[in-house]
N, C-alpha and C. Protein backbone atom coordinates (compact mmCIF):
# COMPACT_ATOMS: atom_id res chain seq x y z
N MET A 1 6.61 25.28 13.27
CA MET A 1 5.72 23.73 13.42
C MET A 1 4.87 23.05 11.99
N MET A 2 4.89 24.35 11.80
CA MET A 2 3.40 23.58 10.71
C MET A 2 4.45 23.68 9.76
N PHE A 3 5.53 24.18 9.16
CA PHE A 3 6.35 24.52 8.09
C PHE A 3 7.52 22.86 8.53
N GLY A 4 7.38 22.56 9.74
CA GLY A 4 7.95 20.80 9.60
C GLY A 4 7.64 19.82 9.03
N PHE A 5 6.13 20.32 9.32
CA PHE A 5 4.66 19.45 8.88
C PHE A 5 4.31 19.17 7.36
N LEU A 6 4.47 20.13 7.02
CA LEU A 6 4.31 20.78 5.43
C LEU A 6 5.72 20.62 5.01
N GLY A 7 7.18 20.63 4.69
CA GLY A 7 7.45 20.04 4.66
C GLY A 7 7.81 18.50 4.12
N THR A 8 7.62 17.54 5.53
CA THR A 8 7.41 16.46 6.17
C THR A 8 6.60 15.76 4.81
N CYS A 9 5.36 16.56 4.36
CA CYS A 9 4.25 15.62 3.55
C CYS A 9 4.85 16.15 1.91
N LEU A 10 6.08 17.40 1.59
CA LEU A 10 6.20 17.58 0.57
C LEU A 10 7.09 16.84 0.13
N GLY A 11 7.94 16.51 0.87
CA GLY A 11 9.30 15.15 1.22
C GLY A 11 8.37 13.46 1.26
N LEU A 12 7.60 13.17 1.31
CA LEU A 12 7.21 12.07 1.52
C LEU A 12 6.37 11.75 0.03
N LEU A 13 5.81 13.41 -0.21
CA LEU A 13 5.24 13.02 -1.39
C LEU A 13 5.66 13.19 -2.93
N LEU A 14 7.33 13.98 -2.41
CA LEU A 14 7.94 13.47 -3.87
C LEU A 14 8.92 12.41 -3.97
N SER A 15 9.50 11.89 -2.88
CA SER A 15 10.16 11.34 -2.50
C SER A 15 10.02 9.56 -3.45
N PRO A 16 9.15 9.48 -4.57
CA PRO A 16 9.19 8.54 -5.07
C PRO A 16 9.76 9.00 -6.39
N TYR A 17 10.32 10.18 -6.85
CA TYR A 17 10.62 10.45 -7.57
C TYR A 17 12.05 10.87 -7.56
N CYS A 18 12.56 11.22 -6.11
CA CYS A 18 14.62 10.98 -5.99
C CYS A 18 14.86 10.27 -7.44
N TRP A 19 15.92 10.26 -7.64
CA TRP A 19 16.99 10.21 -7.95
C TRP A 19 17.58 9.10 -7.82
N CYS A 20 17.79 9.30 -6.32
CA CYS A 20 18.60 8.22 -5.91
C CYS A 20 18.34 6.92 -5.36
N GLN A 21 17.36 6.93 -5.29
CA GLN A 21 16.21 5.26 -5.33
C GLN A 21 17.20 4.43 -6.19
N LYS A 22 16.78 3.07 -6.38
CA LYS A 22 16.74 1.67 -7.17
C LYS A 22 15.30 1.82 -7.66
N ALA A 23 15.61 1.78 -9.24
CA ALA A 23 13.61 1.81 -9.53
C ALA A 23 12.60 0.24 -9.15
N GLU A 24 11.85 -0.24 -8.34
CA GLU A 24 11.08 -1.52 -8.23
C GLU A 24 9.67 -0.86 -8.69
N LEU A 25 8.88 -2.36 -8.73
CA LEU A 25 8.23 -2.15 -10.46
C LEU A 25 7.34 -3.60 -8.62
N CYS A 26 6.09 -1.95 -9.15
CA CYS A 26 5.14 -2.81 -8.39
C CYS A 26 3.59 -3.19 -9.03
N PHE A 27 3.40 -4.31 -8.93
CA PHE A 27 1.71 -4.24 -9.51
C PHE A 27 0.67 -4.87 -8.05
N ILE A 28 0.09 -3.62 -8.18
CA ILE A 28 -1.51 -3.59 -7.51
C ILE A 28 -2.45 -4.39 -8.01
N ASP A 29 -2.97 -6.08 -7.58
CA ASP A 29 -4.13 -6.13 -7.90
C ASP A 29 -5.52 -5.29 -8.27
N ALA A 30 -5.79 -4.82 -7.88
CA ALA A 30 -7.27 -3.96 -7.48
C ALA A 30 -6.59 -3.06 -8.24
N ALA A 31 -5.25 -2.30 -8.49
CA ALA A 31 -5.06 -1.24 -9.50
C ALA A 31 -5.45 -1.36 -10.78
N CYS A 32 -4.43 -3.19 -11.17
CA CYS A 32 -4.13 -3.14 -12.62
C CYS A 32 -4.99 -4.52 -13.02
N ILE A 33 -6.43 -4.74 -12.43
CA ILE A 33 -6.79 -5.32 -13.08
C ILE A 33 -8.55 -4.73 -12.55
N HIS A 34 -8.97 -4.31 -14.19
CA HIS A 34 -9.87 -3.52 -13.97
C HIS A 34 -11.49 -4.72 -13.36
N GLN A 35 -12.45 -3.87 -12.45
CA GLN A 35 -13.43 -4.21 -11.49
C GLN A 35 -15.01 -3.93 -12.08
N SER A 36 -14.71 -3.57 -12.55
CA SER A 36 -15.36 -3.55 -13.68
C SER A 36 -16.53 -4.21 -14.99
N ASP A 37 -15.53 -3.85 -15.61
CA ASP A 37 -15.91 -4.70 -16.78
C ASP A 37 -14.89 -5.82 -17.41
N ALA A 38 -16.07 -6.72 -17.28
CA ALA A 38 -15.94 -8.23 -17.26
C ALA A 38 -15.22 -8.45 -18.14
N ALA A 39 -14.59 -8.26 -19.46
CA ALA A 39 -13.98 -9.10 -20.39
C ALA A 39 -12.84 -7.92 -20.36
N LEU A 40 -12.62 -7.35 -19.53
CA LEU A 40 -10.28 -6.68 -19.20
C LEU A 40 -10.41 -7.19 -17.44
N MET A 41 -11.48 -7.64 -16.84
CA MET A 41 -11.27 -8.57 -15.81
C MET A 41 -10.30 -9.52 -16.16
N HIS A 42 -11.18 -10.30 -17.12
CA HIS A 42 -10.76 -11.58 -17.64
C HIS A 42 -9.44 -11.55 -17.95
N ARG A 43 -9.03 -11.16 -18.45
CA ARG A 43 -7.45 -11.08 -19.63
C ARG A 43 -6.61 -10.04 -18.18
N GLY A 44 -6.97 -9.61 -16.76
CA GLY A 44 -6.07 -9.08 -16.06
C GLY A 44 -5.78 -10.15 -15.16
N ILE A 45 -6.69 -11.13 -14.96
CA ILE A 45 -6.76 -12.73 -14.53
C ILE A 45 -5.95 -13.76 -14.90
N ARG A 46 -6.44 -13.96 -16.31
CA ARG A 46 -5.29 -14.77 -17.16
C ARG A 46 -4.16 -14.50 -17.45
N GLY A 47 -3.80 -13.16 -17.24
CA GLY A 47 -2.27 -12.79 -17.43
C GLY A 47 -1.62 -12.19 -16.24
N ILE A 48 -2.37 -12.73 -14.35
CA ILE A 48 -1.59 -12.51 -13.65
C ILE A 48 -0.55 -13.44 -12.99
N GLY A 49 -0.31 -14.44 -14.08
CA GLY A 49 0.50 -15.57 -13.27
C GLY A 49 1.45 -15.53 -14.21
N SER A 50 1.68 -14.18 -15.22
CA SER A 50 2.62 -13.73 -15.53
C SER A 50 3.27 -12.89 -14.11
N PHE A 51 3.13 -12.30 -14.40
CA PHE A 51 3.04 -11.18 -12.54
C PHE A 51 4.30 -12.08 -11.46
N LEU A 52 3.05 -12.49 -11.88
CA LEU A 52 3.03 -13.57 -10.35
C LEU A 52 4.60 -14.90 -10.60
N LEU A 53 4.70 -15.01 -11.50
CA LEU A 53 5.88 -15.51 -11.85
C LEU A 53 7.54 -15.42 -11.96
N VAL A 54 7.14 -14.12 -12.36
CA VAL A 54 9.43 -13.23 -11.76
C VAL A 54 8.85 -12.05 -10.60
N SER A 55 7.97 -12.34 -10.57
CA SER A 55 7.38 -11.10 -8.63
C SER A 55 9.47 -11.91 -8.09
N LYS A 56 9.39 -11.26 -6.77
CA LYS A 56 10.88 -11.29 -5.88
C LYS A 56 9.89 -11.72 -4.64
N GLU A 57 8.55 -10.92 -4.47
CA GLU A 57 7.95 -10.66 -3.17
C GLU A 57 6.88 -11.00 -3.43
N LEU A 58 5.96 -11.44 -2.67
CA LEU A 58 5.02 -10.90 -3.11
C LEU A 58 4.58 -10.36 -1.70
N ARG A 59 4.12 -8.92 -1.35
CA ARG A 59 3.57 -8.02 -0.08
C ARG A 59 2.07 -8.40 -0.14
N ILE A 60 1.89 -9.27 1.48
CA ILE A 60 0.21 -9.09 1.23
C ILE A 60 -0.40 -7.79 2.58
N LEU A 61 -0.87 -6.68 2.31
CA LEU A 61 -1.52 -6.45 3.62
C LEU A 61 -2.25 -7.04 3.59
N TRP A 62 -2.50 -7.17 5.20
CA TRP A 62 -3.28 -8.32 5.24
C TRP A 62 -4.37 -7.14 6.36
N SER A 63 -5.43 -8.08 7.16
CA SER A 63 -6.50 -7.57 7.47
C SER A 63 -6.62 -9.29 8.12
N PRO A 64 -7.80 -8.91 8.82
CA PRO A 64 -8.76 -10.26 9.51
C PRO A 64 -9.30 -10.58 8.60
N ALA A 65 -9.39 -10.35 7.36
CA ALA A 65 -10.38 -10.41 6.67
C ALA A 65 -9.44 -11.51 5.06
N TYR A 66 -8.54 -10.66 5.33
CA TYR A 66 -7.91 -11.74 4.08
C TYR A 66 -7.90 -12.30 3.32
N LEU A 67 -7.42 -13.41 4.07
CA LEU A 67 -8.24 -14.99 4.15
C LEU A 67 -9.67 -14.79 4.25
N GLN A 68 -10.40 -15.04 3.75
CA GLN A 68 -11.54 -14.86 3.61
C GLN A 68 -12.51 -14.84 2.40
N ARG A 69 -11.61 -13.55 1.27
CA ARG A 69 -11.91 -13.30 0.17
C ARG A 69 -10.90 -14.33 -0.70
N LEU A 70 -11.79 -15.12 -1.56
CA LEU A 70 -11.65 -15.97 -2.58
C LEU A 70 -9.99 -15.77 -3.12
N TRP A 71 -10.62 -14.21 -4.08
CA TRP A 71 -9.50 -13.47 -5.35
C TRP A 71 -8.00 -14.04 -3.98
N CYS A 72 -7.61 -13.56 -3.13
CA CYS A 72 -6.49 -13.07 -1.90
C CYS A 72 -5.94 -15.55 -2.01
N VAL A 73 -7.09 -15.81 -1.69
CA VAL A 73 -6.45 -17.45 -1.36
C VAL A 73 -5.74 -17.46 -2.94
N PHE A 74 -6.83 -17.43 -3.97
CA PHE A 74 -6.39 -17.77 -5.32
C PHE A 74 -4.91 -17.51 -5.65
N GLU A 75 -4.48 -15.84 -5.10
CA GLU A 75 -3.69 -14.88 -5.35
C GLU A 75 -2.38 -15.44 -4.71
N LEU A 76 -2.79 -16.04 -3.98
CA LEU A 76 -1.96 -16.72 -2.92
C LEU A 76 -0.98 -17.52 -3.16
N ALA A 77 -2.16 -18.75 -3.61
CA ALA A 77 -1.66 -20.27 -3.60
C ALA A 77 -0.81 -20.65 -5.59
N THR A 78 -1.94 -19.26 -6.12
CA THR A 78 -1.11 -19.03 -7.14
C THR A 78 0.50 -19.17 -7.61
N TYR A 79 1.05 -17.68 -6.50
CA TYR A 79 2.60 -17.02 -5.48
C TYR A 79 2.53 -18.78 -6.03
N LYS A 80 2.58 -19.13 -4.82
CA LYS A 80 3.45 -20.10 -3.70
C LYS A 80 3.47 -21.01 -5.61
N LYS A 81 2.70 -21.95 -6.51
CA LYS A 81 2.71 -22.53 -7.86
C LYS A 81 4.06 -22.63 -8.02
N LEU A 82 3.62 -20.83 -8.31
CA LEU A 82 4.01 -20.67 -9.74
C LEU A 82 6.07 -20.33 -8.86
N ASN A 83 6.10 -19.70 -8.76
CA ASN A 83 7.64 -18.53 -7.40
C ASN A 83 7.24 -19.56 -6.18
N THR A 84 8.62 -20.24 -6.22
CA THR A 84 8.11 -21.93 -5.18
C THR A 84 9.81 -20.83 -4.58
N SER A 85 10.42 -20.08 -4.99
CA SER A 85 11.87 -19.96 -4.49
C SER A 85 11.03 -17.72 -4.01
N GLY A 86 10.57 -17.23 -4.37
CA GLY A 86 9.78 -16.53 -3.98
C GLY A 86 9.10 -15.94 -3.26
N ARG A 87 9.45 -14.92 -1.72
CA ARG A 87 9.28 -14.77 -1.04
C ARG A 87 7.94 -13.84 -0.43
N ILE A 88 7.26 -13.72 0.38
CA ILE A 88 6.07 -13.04 0.99
C ILE A 88 6.10 -12.79 2.49
N SER A 89 5.80 -11.65 1.72
CA SER A 89 5.94 -11.27 3.81
C SER A 89 4.26 -10.61 3.90
N LEU A 90 3.98 -10.14 5.12
CA LEU A 90 2.85 -9.64 5.40
C LEU A 90 3.64 -8.80 6.19
N ALA A 91 2.15 -7.72 5.79
CA ALA A 91 2.44 -5.55 6.47
C ALA A 91 1.23 -5.74 6.52
N PRO A 92 0.95 -5.71 8.91
CA PRO A 92 -0.58 -5.26 9.33
C PRO A 92 -1.22 -4.01 8.96
N LEU A 93 -2.28 -3.93 8.35
CA LEU A 93 -2.66 -2.65 7.64
C LEU A 93 -3.05 -1.41 8.98
N PHE A 94 -3.37 -2.74 10.28
CA PHE A 94 -3.11 -2.26 11.47
C PHE A 94 -2.10 -1.06 11.87
N VAL A 95 -0.87 -0.88 11.25
CA VAL A 95 0.10 0.16 11.93
C VAL A 95 -0.05 0.54 10.83
N GLU A 96 -0.35 0.91 9.55
CA GLU A 96 -0.17 1.71 8.84
C GLU A 96 -0.70 3.08 9.37
N LYS A 97 -2.18 2.40 10.15
CA LYS A 97 -3.04 2.80 10.68
C LYS A 97 -3.17 3.66 11.62
N ALA A 98 -2.23 3.19 12.16
CA ALA A 98 -2.23 3.73 13.64
C ALA A 98 -0.94 5.01 13.69
N VAL A 99 -0.04 4.30 12.31
CA VAL A 99 1.37 5.79 11.98
C VAL A 99 0.35 6.63 11.67
N MET A 100 -0.73 6.54 10.18
CA MET A 100 -0.97 8.15 9.55
C MET A 100 -1.42 8.81 10.85
N THR A 101 -2.67 7.63 12.11
CA THR A 101 -3.44 8.41 12.66
C THR A 101 -2.40 9.13 13.31
N GLY A 102 -1.90 8.62 14.12
CA GLY A 102 -0.60 10.09 14.86
C GLY A 102 -0.15 10.93 14.19
N TYR A 103 0.43 10.50 13.11
CA TYR A 103 1.25 11.58 11.65
C TYR A 103 0.34 12.63 11.59
N PHE A 104 -0.82 12.38 11.25
CA PHE A 104 -2.13 13.79 10.90
C PHE A 104 -2.62 14.42 12.34
N GLY A 105 -2.09 13.49 13.36
CA GLY A 105 -3.53 13.30 14.08
C GLY A 105 -2.56 14.67 15.52
N ILE A 106 -1.84 14.35 15.83
CA ILE A 106 -0.90 15.29 17.20
C ILE A 106 -0.63 16.69 15.85
N PRO A 107 0.10 16.90 14.80
CA PRO A 107 -0.05 17.82 14.08
C PRO A 107 -1.97 19.07 14.54
N LEU A 108 -2.66 17.95 13.95
CA LEU A 108 -3.62 19.39 14.37
C LEU A 108 -4.17 19.03 15.85
N PHE A 109 -3.66 18.23 16.03
CA PHE A 109 -4.36 18.50 17.53
C PHE A 109 -3.60 19.70 18.11
N SER A 110 -1.88 20.00 17.85
CA SER A 110 -1.20 20.95 17.90
C SER A 110 -2.09 21.63 17.94
N ALA A 111 -2.13 22.19 16.41
CA ALA A 111 -3.03 23.62 16.15
C ALA A 111 -4.37 24.06 16.78
N ALA A 112 -4.68 23.28 16.81
CA ALA A 112 -5.85 23.63 17.41
C ALA A 112 -6.23 23.90 18.46
N LEU A 113 -4.81 23.54 19.52
CA LEU A 113 -3.81 23.80 21.29
C LEU A 113 -3.74 25.28 20.94
N PHE A 114 -3.06 25.36 19.83
CA PHE A 114 -1.94 26.36 19.54
C PHE A 114 -3.33 28.76 19.62
N ILE A 115 -4.65 27.35 18.37
CA ILE A 115 -5.31 28.81 18.12
C ILE A 115 -6.35 28.71 19.95
N LEU A 116 -6.55 27.65 20.34
CA LEU A 116 -7.17 27.55 21.67
C LEU A 116 -6.42 28.72 22.18
N ARG A 117 -5.45 28.79 22.05
CA ARG A 117 -5.34 29.54 23.56
C ARG A 117 -3.97 31.36 23.09
N VAL A 118 -4.30 31.26 21.88
CA VAL A 118 -4.19 32.78 20.87
C VAL A 118 -5.68 33.51 21.55
N ASN A 119 -6.17 32.33 20.59
CA ASN A 119 -7.86 33.35 21.78
C ASN A 119 -8.04 33.72 22.69
N ARG A 120 -7.32 32.91 23.89
CA ARG A 120 -8.19 33.64 25.24
C ARG A 120 -7.77 35.11 25.71
């Protein structure tokens, strides 16, 4: 059971380096725009239009607070203005949290039950 879990984790970690996948580029605004240096942040914000213009899709990791953040509204409006034919897709964050909780929680719970059973 643990080898299957470890093998799956290893596969997930190595899958981006698989030769059989097509290359897709991703721009993550929080990672690509400097968050603390004001000069670098302004350069990144000035250049975001170029990224949004050539993007085929804007994937939004949606949470209830998404549209309450001015930056997110700006990014969404800029994408729609510059790239009228581009797709917008929403991925609710609670789905990923639930999957990851189950994915890591079930093996940990199983291991705990196994240890308790062995120690009897």
